[in-house]
Amino acid sequence: MTSLRRVARSLMAGSLALAGALPLATQATGPTAQLPVLLTSCGQSPGPERVKFFLNRLQLQHEFLAQATAQDLVAAQQGGKPYKALIIVTGASLKGMGAAGVSMPQELARTAALIAEAKKQGITVIGSHVEGMARRAQGAAAGDNSDEQSIDAVMPNAGFMIVRKDGDEDRRFTVISQKSNIPLLLFEKNMELGDLLGRVFGK
C-alpha cells in the first residue's frame, strides 16, 4: 500500500510540474480586457499587422494607429467612445521608423505619453511581442539596441503581456513578469495568438 501511495504521489507531482510549465495561453483563467481596443506600435515593426489580422478575424472592435498618441485617447474619451484597452506591440524596425519619419527617441517619448494617458483613463495596457527572437537585439545590427529599448518602454508598464514563447528564450519577459508582478501570457504558434486574443477579450 505504501509503495502504491508513493507512486501516486510521484505521478501527481509530475503532473503539477508539467502544468506549471505550460504556456499561460493554455490555461483556463488569466487576465482579461474590454473593448474597444486601440492597437499601436513602439518601434514601427511589422508586428502590429499580425495582431490586427486576428482582431479582424475575431471581429473584435478595434482601431489600428501605428503612431497613436495620448491625444488620440483624449479625443476618443471626449467623443464619448473611450478605448477600454491599449495593445502596444514592441519591436523596432529601422526601416519602419525611416518610412514613418520618426526616430527611436521620438517613439519612446510618444509611447511614454500614451501609456501615461491610458493609465490616467483607466485603460488596460497590454504589452505584446509577437515576432519572436527575430525581432530582438540578437538579430539586430551591431550596437543597435532599439528592440530592447522598445521592450523596456512598454513591458514594465503594462497590465499584462502577450509574448510569443520563442521570443522569451533568454527569459527576458519572464524576468520582467516576476520582478514587476505582471502576468505573462505565452503562445507558441502564430495561430494560437488568435485563440489567446479571443480569450482575453471574451470572444
N, C-alpha and C. Protein backbone atom coordinates (compact mmCIF):
# COMPACT_ATOMS: atom_id res chain seq x y z
N MET A 1 0.84 -1.20 0.00
CA MET A 1 0.00 0.00 0.00
C MET A 1 0.88 1.25 0.00
N THR A 2 1.95 1.20 0.89
CA THR A 2 2.87 2.34 0.98
C THR A 2 3.52 2.62 -0.36
N SER A 3 3.89 1.54 -1.06
CA SER A 3 4.53 1.67 -2.36
C SER A 3 3.58 2.32 -3.37
N LEU A 4 2.32 1.90 -3.34
CA LEU A 4 1.34 2.48 -4.26
C LEU A 4 1.13 3.96 -4.00
N ARG A 5 1.11 4.33 -2.72
CA ARG A 5 0.94 5.74 -2.37
C ARG A 5 2.11 6.57 -2.88
N ARG A 6 3.32 6.01 -2.78
CA ARG A 6 4.48 6.73 -3.27
C ARG A 6 4.42 6.95 -4.77
N VAL A 7 3.98 5.95 -5.49
CA VAL A 7 3.84 6.07 -6.94
C VAL A 7 2.80 7.13 -7.29
N ALA A 8 1.67 7.11 -6.58
CA ALA A 8 0.61 8.08 -6.84
C ALA A 8 1.09 9.49 -6.59
N ARG A 9 1.80 9.66 -5.47
CA ARG A 9 2.32 10.98 -5.16
C ARG A 9 3.32 11.45 -6.21
N SER A 10 4.15 10.52 -6.67
CA SER A 10 5.15 10.86 -7.68
C SER A 10 4.48 11.31 -8.97
N LEU A 11 3.43 10.57 -9.36
CA LEU A 11 2.71 10.92 -10.59
C LEU A 11 2.03 12.27 -10.45
N MET A 12 1.47 12.52 -9.29
CA MET A 12 0.79 13.79 -9.06
C MET A 12 1.78 14.95 -9.11
N ALA A 13 2.92 14.78 -8.51
CA ALA A 13 3.94 15.83 -8.52
C ALA A 13 4.42 16.11 -9.94
N GLY A 14 4.58 15.03 -10.73
CA GLY A 14 4.99 15.20 -12.11
C GLY A 14 3.96 15.95 -12.92
N SER A 15 2.69 15.64 -12.67
CA SER A 15 1.61 16.31 -13.39
C SER A 15 1.57 17.79 -13.06
N LEU A 16 1.77 18.13 -11.77
CA LEU A 16 1.75 19.53 -11.36
C LEU A 16 2.92 20.29 -11.97
N ALA A 17 4.08 19.64 -12.02
CA ALA A 17 5.25 20.29 -12.61
C ALA A 17 5.02 20.57 -14.08
N LEU A 18 4.41 19.61 -14.77
CA LEU A 18 4.13 19.78 -16.20
C LEU A 18 3.14 20.90 -16.42
N ALA A 19 2.10 20.95 -15.57
CA ALA A 19 1.09 22.00 -15.71
C ALA A 19 1.70 23.37 -15.53
N GLY A 20 2.65 23.49 -14.59
CA GLY A 20 3.27 24.77 -14.35
C GLY A 20 4.13 25.22 -15.51
N ALA A 21 4.62 24.26 -16.31
CA ALA A 21 5.49 24.59 -17.43
C ALA A 21 4.73 24.98 -18.68
N LEU A 22 3.42 24.77 -18.68
CA LEU A 22 2.63 25.09 -19.86
C LEU A 22 2.50 26.59 -20.05
N PRO A 23 2.46 27.08 -21.32
CA PRO A 23 2.22 28.49 -21.55
C PRO A 23 0.89 28.90 -20.92
N LEU A 24 0.82 30.12 -20.41
CA LEU A 24 -0.41 30.59 -19.80
C LEU A 24 -1.56 30.61 -20.78
N ALA A 25 -1.24 30.67 -22.08
CA ALA A 25 -2.30 30.71 -23.09
C ALA A 25 -3.13 29.44 -23.07
N THR A 26 -2.57 28.36 -22.50
CA THR A 26 -3.32 27.10 -22.47
C THR A 26 -4.14 26.96 -21.20
N GLN A 27 -3.98 27.88 -20.26
CA GLN A 27 -4.69 27.76 -19.01
C GLN A 27 -6.07 28.39 -19.10
N ALA A 28 -6.97 27.92 -18.26
CA ALA A 28 -8.37 28.32 -18.37
C ALA A 28 -8.63 29.75 -17.92
N THR A 29 -7.82 30.25 -17.00
CA THR A 29 -8.04 31.59 -16.47
C THR A 29 -6.84 32.48 -16.74
N GLY A 30 -7.06 33.76 -16.67
CA GLY A 30 -5.98 34.71 -16.91
C GLY A 30 -6.56 36.11 -17.02
N PRO A 31 -5.71 37.11 -17.21
CA PRO A 31 -6.20 38.48 -17.30
C PRO A 31 -7.08 38.68 -18.53
N THR A 32 -8.03 39.59 -18.39
CA THR A 32 -8.94 39.90 -19.48
C THR A 32 -8.97 41.41 -19.69
N ALA A 33 -9.58 41.83 -20.79
CA ALA A 33 -9.71 43.24 -21.10
C ALA A 33 -11.01 43.46 -21.85
N GLN A 34 -11.44 44.71 -21.90
CA GLN A 34 -12.69 45.06 -22.56
C GLN A 34 -12.43 45.77 -23.88
N LEU A 35 -13.45 45.83 -24.70
CA LEU A 35 -13.40 46.51 -25.98
C LEU A 35 -14.07 47.87 -25.85
N PRO A 36 -13.75 48.82 -26.75
CA PRO A 36 -12.86 48.71 -27.91
C PRO A 36 -11.39 48.82 -27.52
N VAL A 37 -10.53 48.37 -28.44
CA VAL A 37 -9.10 48.38 -28.19
C VAL A 37 -8.39 49.23 -29.24
N LEU A 38 -7.39 49.95 -28.81
CA LEU A 38 -6.52 50.70 -29.71
C LEU A 38 -5.22 49.92 -29.85
N LEU A 39 -4.84 49.64 -31.08
CA LEU A 39 -3.62 48.88 -31.38
C LEU A 39 -2.58 49.84 -31.95
N THR A 40 -1.36 49.75 -31.43
CA THR A 40 -0.29 50.61 -31.93
C THR A 40 1.05 49.91 -31.82
N SER A 41 2.09 50.61 -32.21
CA SER A 41 3.45 50.06 -32.21
C SER A 41 4.37 50.93 -31.37
N CYS A 42 5.40 50.31 -30.84
CA CYS A 42 6.52 51.05 -30.27
C CYS A 42 7.76 50.57 -31.01
N GLY A 43 8.12 51.27 -32.07
CA GLY A 43 9.26 50.85 -32.87
C GLY A 43 8.94 50.63 -34.33
N GLN A 44 7.65 50.70 -34.71
CA GLN A 44 7.23 50.62 -36.11
C GLN A 44 7.67 49.34 -36.81
N SER A 45 7.65 48.21 -36.09
CA SER A 45 7.92 46.92 -36.71
C SER A 45 6.64 46.41 -37.36
N PRO A 46 6.72 45.32 -38.14
CA PRO A 46 5.51 44.75 -38.77
C PRO A 46 4.62 43.99 -37.78
N GLY A 47 5.06 43.83 -36.54
CA GLY A 47 4.32 43.04 -35.56
C GLY A 47 2.86 43.38 -35.40
N PRO A 48 2.50 44.67 -35.35
CA PRO A 48 1.08 45.01 -35.16
C PRO A 48 0.16 44.44 -36.24
N GLU A 49 0.70 44.23 -37.43
CA GLU A 49 -0.13 43.68 -38.51
C GLU A 49 -0.60 42.27 -38.17
N ARG A 50 0.21 41.50 -37.46
CA ARG A 50 -0.20 40.16 -37.06
C ARG A 50 -1.34 40.23 -36.05
N VAL A 51 -1.21 41.15 -35.11
CA VAL A 51 -2.28 41.30 -34.12
C VAL A 51 -3.54 41.81 -34.80
N LYS A 52 -3.39 42.75 -35.70
CA LYS A 52 -4.53 43.31 -36.43
C LYS A 52 -5.28 42.22 -37.20
N PHE A 53 -4.53 41.31 -37.80
CA PHE A 53 -5.15 40.22 -38.56
C PHE A 53 -6.13 39.44 -37.70
N PHE A 54 -5.72 39.10 -36.49
CA PHE A 54 -6.58 38.29 -35.62
C PHE A 54 -7.71 39.13 -35.02
N LEU A 55 -7.46 40.38 -34.74
CA LEU A 55 -8.54 41.24 -34.25
C LEU A 55 -9.64 41.34 -35.30
N ASN A 56 -9.24 41.46 -36.57
CA ASN A 56 -10.22 41.49 -37.67
C ASN A 56 -10.93 40.15 -37.79
N ARG A 57 -10.16 39.09 -37.72
CA ARG A 57 -10.73 37.75 -37.89
C ARG A 57 -11.76 37.43 -36.81
N LEU A 58 -11.48 37.90 -35.61
CA LEU A 58 -12.39 37.66 -34.49
C LEU A 58 -13.49 38.71 -34.39
N GLN A 59 -13.42 39.69 -35.28
CA GLN A 59 -14.40 40.78 -35.30
C GLN A 59 -14.45 41.50 -33.95
N LEU A 60 -13.27 41.75 -33.42
CA LEU A 60 -13.15 42.48 -32.16
C LEU A 60 -13.03 43.97 -32.48
N GLN A 61 -13.84 44.77 -31.82
CA GLN A 61 -13.88 46.20 -32.09
C GLN A 61 -12.53 46.84 -31.76
N HIS A 62 -11.90 47.42 -32.79
CA HIS A 62 -10.57 47.97 -32.59
C HIS A 62 -10.26 49.05 -33.61
N GLU A 63 -9.18 49.76 -33.35
CA GLU A 63 -8.62 50.72 -34.31
C GLU A 63 -7.12 50.57 -34.28
N PHE A 64 -6.51 50.61 -35.44
CA PHE A 64 -5.06 50.50 -35.54
C PHE A 64 -4.47 51.84 -35.97
N LEU A 65 -3.67 52.41 -35.10
CA LEU A 65 -2.95 53.65 -35.41
C LEU A 65 -1.48 53.39 -35.11
N ALA A 66 -0.67 53.28 -36.15
CA ALA A 66 0.74 52.91 -35.98
C ALA A 66 1.48 53.89 -35.08
N GLN A 67 1.06 55.15 -35.10
CA GLN A 67 1.70 56.17 -34.28
C GLN A 67 0.67 56.82 -33.35
N ALA A 68 -0.11 56.01 -32.68
CA ALA A 68 -1.14 56.52 -31.77
C ALA A 68 -0.51 57.40 -30.70
N THR A 69 -1.21 58.47 -30.35
CA THR A 69 -0.71 59.40 -29.35
C THR A 69 -1.67 59.49 -28.17
N ALA A 70 -1.21 60.15 -27.13
CA ALA A 70 -2.06 60.39 -25.97
C ALA A 70 -3.30 61.17 -26.37
N GLN A 71 -3.14 62.08 -27.34
CA GLN A 71 -4.27 62.89 -27.78
C GLN A 71 -5.35 62.04 -28.43
N ASP A 72 -4.97 60.94 -29.05
CA ASP A 72 -5.96 60.03 -29.65
C ASP A 72 -6.85 59.44 -28.55
N LEU A 73 -6.26 59.13 -27.41
CA LEU A 73 -7.04 58.60 -26.29
C LEU A 73 -7.95 59.68 -25.72
N VAL A 74 -7.43 60.89 -25.63
CA VAL A 74 -8.23 62.00 -25.11
C VAL A 74 -9.41 62.29 -26.03
N ALA A 75 -9.14 62.30 -27.33
CA ALA A 75 -10.19 62.59 -28.30
C ALA A 75 -11.30 61.55 -28.25
N ALA A 76 -10.93 60.29 -28.11
CA ALA A 76 -11.92 59.22 -28.03
C ALA A 76 -12.76 59.37 -26.77
N GLN A 77 -12.13 59.72 -25.67
CA GLN A 77 -12.86 59.91 -24.42
C GLN A 77 -13.82 61.10 -24.52
N GLN A 78 -13.34 62.19 -25.07
CA GLN A 78 -14.17 63.39 -25.20
C GLN A 78 -15.31 63.17 -26.18
N GLY A 79 -15.10 62.27 -27.14
CA GLY A 79 -16.13 61.96 -28.12
C GLY A 79 -17.16 60.96 -27.61
N GLY A 80 -17.01 60.53 -26.37
CA GLY A 80 -17.97 59.60 -25.78
C GLY A 80 -17.76 58.16 -26.16
N LYS A 81 -16.64 57.85 -26.82
CA LYS A 81 -16.34 56.48 -27.22
C LYS A 81 -14.91 56.12 -26.78
N PRO A 82 -14.68 56.10 -25.47
CA PRO A 82 -13.33 55.85 -24.97
C PRO A 82 -12.85 54.43 -25.24
N TYR A 83 -11.56 54.31 -25.43
CA TYR A 83 -10.96 52.97 -25.55
C TYR A 83 -10.91 52.34 -24.17
N LYS A 84 -11.07 51.03 -24.13
CA LYS A 84 -11.00 50.30 -22.87
C LYS A 84 -9.69 49.52 -22.74
N ALA A 85 -9.02 49.31 -23.87
CA ALA A 85 -7.76 48.58 -23.85
C ALA A 85 -6.81 49.17 -24.88
N LEU A 86 -5.53 49.05 -24.60
CA LEU A 86 -4.48 49.55 -25.48
C LEU A 86 -3.44 48.45 -25.65
N ILE A 87 -3.25 47.99 -26.89
CA ILE A 87 -2.21 46.99 -27.18
C ILE A 87 -1.05 47.71 -27.84
N ILE A 88 0.12 47.63 -27.21
CA ILE A 88 1.33 48.21 -27.78
C ILE A 88 2.27 47.07 -28.15
N VAL A 89 2.52 46.93 -29.44
CA VAL A 89 3.39 45.85 -29.92
C VAL A 89 4.82 46.36 -29.96
N THR A 90 5.70 45.69 -29.24
CA THR A 90 7.10 46.11 -29.16
C THR A 90 7.92 45.48 -30.28
N GLY A 91 9.09 46.06 -30.49
CA GLY A 91 9.97 45.59 -31.55
C GLY A 91 10.23 46.72 -32.52
N ALA A 92 11.50 47.08 -32.69
CA ALA A 92 11.85 48.23 -33.52
C ALA A 92 12.34 47.81 -34.90
N SER A 93 11.93 48.58 -35.89
CA SER A 93 12.38 48.37 -37.26
C SER A 93 12.94 49.69 -37.77
N LEU A 94 14.23 49.70 -38.05
CA LEU A 94 14.84 50.93 -38.56
C LEU A 94 14.21 51.32 -39.90
N LYS A 95 13.87 50.32 -40.69
CA LYS A 95 13.21 50.57 -41.97
C LYS A 95 11.82 51.17 -41.74
N GLY A 96 11.09 50.59 -40.78
CA GLY A 96 9.76 51.08 -40.49
C GLY A 96 9.77 52.49 -39.94
N MET A 97 10.71 52.76 -39.03
CA MET A 97 10.81 54.10 -38.48
C MET A 97 11.24 55.11 -39.53
N GLY A 98 12.13 54.66 -40.44
CA GLY A 98 12.55 55.54 -41.52
C GLY A 98 11.40 55.92 -42.42
N ALA A 99 10.56 54.93 -42.75
CA ALA A 99 9.41 55.18 -43.61
C ALA A 99 8.40 56.11 -42.93
N ALA A 100 8.31 55.98 -41.59
CA ALA A 100 7.36 56.81 -40.83
C ALA A 100 7.95 58.18 -40.49
N GLY A 101 9.25 58.34 -40.72
CA GLY A 101 9.89 59.61 -40.45
C GLY A 101 10.06 59.91 -38.97
N VAL A 102 10.29 58.85 -38.18
CA VAL A 102 10.47 59.03 -36.74
C VAL A 102 11.75 58.35 -36.28
N SER A 103 12.27 58.82 -35.16
CA SER A 103 13.47 58.23 -34.56
C SER A 103 13.07 57.41 -33.35
N MET A 104 13.99 56.63 -32.82
CA MET A 104 13.70 55.83 -31.64
C MET A 104 13.39 56.72 -30.43
N PRO A 105 14.15 57.80 -30.19
CA PRO A 105 13.78 58.68 -29.08
C PRO A 105 12.37 59.23 -29.21
N GLN A 106 11.95 59.54 -30.42
CA GLN A 106 10.59 60.04 -30.62
C GLN A 106 9.55 58.96 -30.33
N GLU A 107 9.86 57.72 -30.72
CA GLU A 107 8.96 56.61 -30.45
C GLU A 107 8.82 56.38 -28.94
N LEU A 108 9.92 56.46 -28.23
CA LEU A 108 9.90 56.24 -26.79
C LEU A 108 9.13 57.34 -26.08
N ALA A 109 9.29 58.58 -26.52
CA ALA A 109 8.58 59.69 -25.91
C ALA A 109 7.08 59.58 -26.17
N ARG A 110 6.71 59.22 -27.39
CA ARG A 110 5.30 59.05 -27.74
C ARG A 110 4.68 57.93 -26.91
N THR A 111 5.40 56.83 -26.79
CA THR A 111 4.90 55.68 -26.04
C THR A 111 4.72 56.00 -24.57
N ALA A 112 5.68 56.72 -23.98
CA ALA A 112 5.58 57.08 -22.57
C ALA A 112 4.36 57.94 -22.30
N ALA A 113 4.12 58.92 -23.19
CA ALA A 113 2.95 59.79 -23.02
C ALA A 113 1.65 59.02 -23.23
N LEU A 114 1.67 58.09 -24.17
CA LEU A 114 0.50 57.27 -24.46
C LEU A 114 0.12 56.40 -23.27
N ILE A 115 1.11 55.75 -22.68
CA ILE A 115 0.87 54.89 -21.53
C ILE A 115 0.39 55.72 -20.33
N ALA A 116 0.99 56.88 -20.14
CA ALA A 116 0.59 57.74 -19.02
C ALA A 116 -0.88 58.14 -19.15
N GLU A 117 -1.32 58.49 -20.35
CA GLU A 117 -2.72 58.88 -20.54
C GLU A 117 -3.64 57.68 -20.40
N ALA A 118 -3.20 56.52 -20.88
CA ALA A 118 -4.01 55.31 -20.74
C ALA A 118 -4.25 54.99 -19.27
N LYS A 119 -3.20 55.08 -18.47
CA LYS A 119 -3.35 54.80 -17.04
C LYS A 119 -4.22 55.85 -16.37
N LYS A 120 -4.12 57.09 -16.82
CA LYS A 120 -4.95 58.16 -16.27
C LYS A 120 -6.43 57.88 -16.49
N GLN A 121 -6.74 57.29 -17.66
CA GLN A 121 -8.13 56.99 -18.01
C GLN A 121 -8.58 55.61 -17.52
N GLY A 122 -7.68 54.85 -16.95
CA GLY A 122 -8.04 53.50 -16.50
C GLY A 122 -8.13 52.50 -17.63
N ILE A 123 -7.41 52.76 -18.71
CA ILE A 123 -7.38 51.86 -19.87
C ILE A 123 -6.38 50.73 -19.60
N THR A 124 -6.77 49.51 -19.91
CA THR A 124 -5.87 48.36 -19.72
C THR A 124 -4.76 48.40 -20.76
N VAL A 125 -3.51 48.44 -20.31
CA VAL A 125 -2.36 48.47 -21.21
C VAL A 125 -1.84 47.04 -21.37
N ILE A 126 -1.78 46.59 -22.61
CA ILE A 126 -1.29 45.24 -22.92
C ILE A 126 -0.02 45.37 -23.75
N GLY A 127 1.09 44.90 -23.20
CA GLY A 127 2.34 44.89 -23.96
C GLY A 127 2.45 43.58 -24.72
N SER A 128 2.84 43.67 -25.99
CA SER A 128 2.88 42.46 -26.80
C SER A 128 4.16 42.38 -27.62
N HIS A 129 4.70 41.16 -27.74
CA HIS A 129 5.87 40.91 -28.59
C HIS A 129 5.57 39.64 -29.37
N VAL A 130 5.33 39.77 -30.67
CA VAL A 130 4.78 38.66 -31.44
C VAL A 130 5.70 38.14 -32.55
N GLU A 131 6.92 38.65 -32.63
CA GLU A 131 7.80 38.26 -33.73
C GLU A 131 8.97 37.37 -33.31
N GLY A 132 8.97 36.94 -32.05
CA GLY A 132 10.00 36.01 -31.61
C GLY A 132 11.39 36.62 -31.56
N MET A 133 12.40 35.75 -31.52
CA MET A 133 13.78 36.21 -31.38
C MET A 133 14.26 36.95 -32.62
N ALA A 134 13.59 36.78 -33.75
CA ALA A 134 13.97 37.50 -34.96
C ALA A 134 13.83 39.00 -34.76
N ARG A 135 12.92 39.41 -33.86
CA ARG A 135 12.70 40.82 -33.58
C ARG A 135 13.27 41.17 -32.20
N ARG A 136 14.48 40.72 -31.96
CA ARG A 136 15.17 41.00 -30.72
C ARG A 136 16.59 41.48 -31.04
N ALA A 137 17.30 41.94 -30.07
CA ALA A 137 18.62 42.51 -30.30
C ALA A 137 19.59 41.51 -30.93
N GLN A 138 19.35 40.20 -30.70
CA GLN A 138 20.25 39.19 -31.25
C GLN A 138 20.28 39.22 -32.78
N GLY A 139 19.20 39.73 -33.38
CA GLY A 139 19.15 39.77 -34.83
C GLY A 139 19.39 41.16 -35.38
N ALA A 140 19.76 42.10 -34.51
CA ALA A 140 19.96 43.48 -34.93
C ALA A 140 21.40 43.72 -35.35
N ALA A 141 21.63 44.87 -35.98
CA ALA A 141 22.98 45.25 -36.36
C ALA A 141 23.79 45.53 -35.10
N ALA A 142 25.10 45.41 -35.24
CA ALA A 142 25.98 45.63 -34.10
C ALA A 142 25.74 47.01 -33.49
N GLY A 143 25.54 47.03 -32.18
CA GLY A 143 25.34 48.29 -31.49
C GLY A 143 23.91 48.81 -31.49
N ASP A 144 23.02 48.13 -32.20
CA ASP A 144 21.62 48.57 -32.26
C ASP A 144 20.81 47.86 -31.17
N ASN A 145 20.38 48.61 -30.17
CA ASN A 145 19.58 48.02 -29.09
C ASN A 145 18.17 48.61 -29.08
N SER A 146 17.71 49.07 -30.22
CA SER A 146 16.39 49.71 -30.29
C SER A 146 15.26 48.74 -29.94
N ASP A 147 15.41 47.47 -30.29
CA ASP A 147 14.39 46.48 -29.93
C ASP A 147 14.25 46.39 -28.42
N GLU A 148 15.36 46.35 -27.72
CA GLU A 148 15.33 46.23 -26.27
C GLU A 148 14.82 47.51 -25.62
N GLN A 149 15.12 48.66 -26.21
CA GLN A 149 14.57 49.92 -25.71
C GLN A 149 13.05 49.91 -25.81
N SER A 150 12.55 49.36 -26.90
CA SER A 150 11.10 49.26 -27.10
C SER A 150 10.47 48.39 -26.02
N ILE A 151 11.09 47.27 -25.73
CA ILE A 151 10.59 46.36 -24.70
C ILE A 151 10.59 47.05 -23.33
N ASP A 152 11.68 47.72 -23.02
CA ASP A 152 11.80 48.39 -21.72
C ASP A 152 10.79 49.52 -21.56
N ALA A 153 10.41 50.15 -22.66
CA ALA A 153 9.47 51.26 -22.60
C ALA A 153 8.05 50.81 -22.32
N VAL A 154 7.74 49.57 -22.72
CA VAL A 154 6.36 49.11 -22.66
C VAL A 154 6.11 48.07 -21.57
N MET A 155 6.86 47.00 -21.59
CA MET A 155 6.52 45.83 -20.79
C MET A 155 6.45 46.08 -19.27
N PRO A 156 7.39 46.79 -18.67
CA PRO A 156 7.29 47.01 -17.22
C PRO A 156 6.12 47.91 -16.84
N ASN A 157 5.52 48.56 -17.83
CA ASN A 157 4.40 49.47 -17.59
C ASN A 157 3.06 48.90 -18.01
N ALA A 158 3.05 47.63 -18.40
CA ALA A 158 1.82 47.00 -18.91
C ALA A 158 1.04 46.35 -17.78
N GLY A 159 -0.27 46.20 -18.01
CA GLY A 159 -1.10 45.46 -17.07
C GLY A 159 -0.84 43.97 -17.19
N PHE A 160 -0.59 43.52 -18.41
CA PHE A 160 -0.13 42.16 -18.66
C PHE A 160 0.53 42.10 -20.03
N MET A 161 1.22 40.99 -20.30
CA MET A 161 1.98 40.85 -21.54
C MET A 161 1.50 39.65 -22.36
N ILE A 162 1.55 39.80 -23.66
CA ILE A 162 1.28 38.70 -24.59
C ILE A 162 2.53 38.54 -25.44
N VAL A 163 3.19 37.38 -25.34
CA VAL A 163 4.50 37.19 -25.95
C VAL A 163 4.60 35.84 -26.63
N ARG A 164 5.19 35.83 -27.82
CA ARG A 164 5.47 34.55 -28.48
C ARG A 164 6.60 33.86 -27.73
N LYS A 165 6.39 32.61 -27.41
CA LYS A 165 7.27 31.89 -26.49
C LYS A 165 8.72 31.91 -26.92
N ASP A 166 9.01 31.75 -28.21
CA ASP A 166 10.41 31.70 -28.61
C ASP A 166 11.10 33.06 -28.49
N GLY A 167 10.33 34.12 -28.29
CA GLY A 167 10.93 35.42 -28.04
C GLY A 167 11.40 35.57 -26.61
N ASP A 168 11.05 34.59 -25.78
CA ASP A 168 11.42 34.62 -24.35
C ASP A 168 12.48 33.57 -24.05
N GLU A 169 13.24 33.15 -25.06
CA GLU A 169 14.24 32.11 -24.87
C GLU A 169 15.26 32.48 -23.81
N ASP A 170 15.56 33.77 -23.70
CA ASP A 170 16.53 34.23 -22.70
C ASP A 170 15.84 34.71 -21.42
N ARG A 171 14.53 34.43 -21.31
CA ARG A 171 13.73 34.77 -20.14
C ARG A 171 13.61 36.29 -19.94
N ARG A 172 13.76 37.01 -21.00
CA ARG A 172 13.67 38.49 -20.94
C ARG A 172 12.33 38.92 -20.35
N PHE A 173 11.25 38.35 -20.87
CA PHE A 173 9.92 38.74 -20.44
C PHE A 173 9.54 38.07 -19.12
N THR A 174 10.05 36.88 -18.90
CA THR A 174 9.80 36.18 -17.63
C THR A 174 10.37 36.98 -16.48
N VAL A 175 11.56 37.53 -16.65
CA VAL A 175 12.19 38.33 -15.60
C VAL A 175 11.36 39.58 -15.30
N ILE A 176 10.88 40.25 -16.35
CA ILE A 176 10.03 41.43 -16.16
C ILE A 176 8.76 41.03 -15.41
N SER A 177 8.17 39.91 -15.82
CA SER A 177 6.95 39.42 -15.19
C SER A 177 7.14 39.17 -13.70
N GLN A 178 8.23 38.47 -13.36
CA GLN A 178 8.48 38.12 -11.97
C GLN A 178 8.89 39.33 -11.14
N LYS A 179 9.68 40.21 -11.72
CA LYS A 179 10.17 41.38 -10.99
C LYS A 179 9.05 42.37 -10.69
N SER A 180 8.15 42.57 -11.67
CA SER A 180 7.11 43.59 -11.52
C SER A 180 5.72 43.01 -11.27
N ASN A 181 5.65 41.68 -11.11
CA ASN A 181 4.38 41.01 -10.86
C ASN A 181 3.35 41.31 -11.96
N ILE A 182 3.81 41.18 -13.21
CA ILE A 182 2.96 41.43 -14.38
C ILE A 182 2.65 40.09 -15.04
N PRO A 183 1.38 39.71 -15.18
CA PRO A 183 1.05 38.43 -15.82
C PRO A 183 1.65 38.33 -17.23
N LEU A 184 2.17 37.16 -17.55
CA LEU A 184 2.77 36.90 -18.85
C LEU A 184 2.02 35.78 -19.54
N LEU A 185 1.39 36.08 -20.66
CA LEU A 185 0.68 35.09 -21.45
C LEU A 185 1.55 34.71 -22.65
N LEU A 186 1.89 33.42 -22.75
CA LEU A 186 2.74 32.94 -23.83
C LEU A 186 1.95 32.14 -24.85
N PHE A 187 2.35 32.27 -26.11
CA PHE A 187 1.79 31.43 -27.16
C PHE A 187 2.94 30.93 -28.01
N GLU A 188 2.75 29.78 -28.66
CA GLU A 188 3.85 29.18 -29.42
C GLU A 188 3.74 29.42 -30.92
N LYS A 189 2.59 29.13 -31.49
CA LYS A 189 2.41 29.29 -32.93
C LYS A 189 1.57 30.53 -33.21
N ASN A 190 1.79 31.11 -34.39
CA ASN A 190 1.06 32.34 -34.73
C ASN A 190 -0.44 32.18 -34.61
N MET A 191 -0.97 31.01 -35.02
CA MET A 191 -2.42 30.81 -34.97
C MET A 191 -2.94 30.80 -33.54
N GLU A 192 -2.08 30.45 -32.58
CA GLU A 192 -2.50 30.45 -31.18
C GLU A 192 -2.72 31.87 -30.66
N LEU A 193 -2.13 32.84 -31.35
CA LEU A 193 -2.33 34.23 -30.95
C LEU A 193 -3.80 34.61 -31.04
N GLY A 194 -4.47 34.11 -32.07
CA GLY A 194 -5.90 34.38 -32.21
C GLY A 194 -6.70 33.80 -31.06
N ASP A 195 -6.39 32.57 -30.67
CA ASP A 195 -7.09 31.94 -29.54
C ASP A 195 -6.88 32.74 -28.27
N LEU A 196 -5.65 33.22 -28.08
CA LEU A 196 -5.32 33.97 -26.88
C LEU A 196 -6.05 35.31 -26.84
N LEU A 197 -6.08 36.01 -27.97
CA LEU A 197 -6.79 37.28 -28.03
C LEU A 197 -8.28 37.08 -27.82
N GLY A 198 -8.81 36.01 -28.35
CA GLY A 198 -10.23 35.71 -28.15
C GLY A 198 -10.56 35.49 -26.69
N ARG A 199 -9.67 34.80 -25.98
CA ARG A 199 -9.88 34.56 -24.56
C ARG A 199 -9.77 35.85 -23.76
N VAL A 200 -8.78 36.65 -24.08
CA VAL A 200 -8.56 37.92 -23.36
C VAL A 200 -9.77 38.83 -23.48
N PHE A 201 -10.34 38.89 -24.69
CA PHE A 201 -11.46 39.80 -24.94
C PHE A 201 -12.82 39.10 -24.90
N GLY A 202 -12.84 37.87 -24.39
CA GLY A 202 -14.11 37.17 -24.18
C GLY A 202 -14.86 36.81 -25.43
N LYS A 203 -14.13 36.50 -26.52
CA LYS A 203 -14.77 36.15 -27.78
C LYS A 203 -14.89 34.64 -27.92
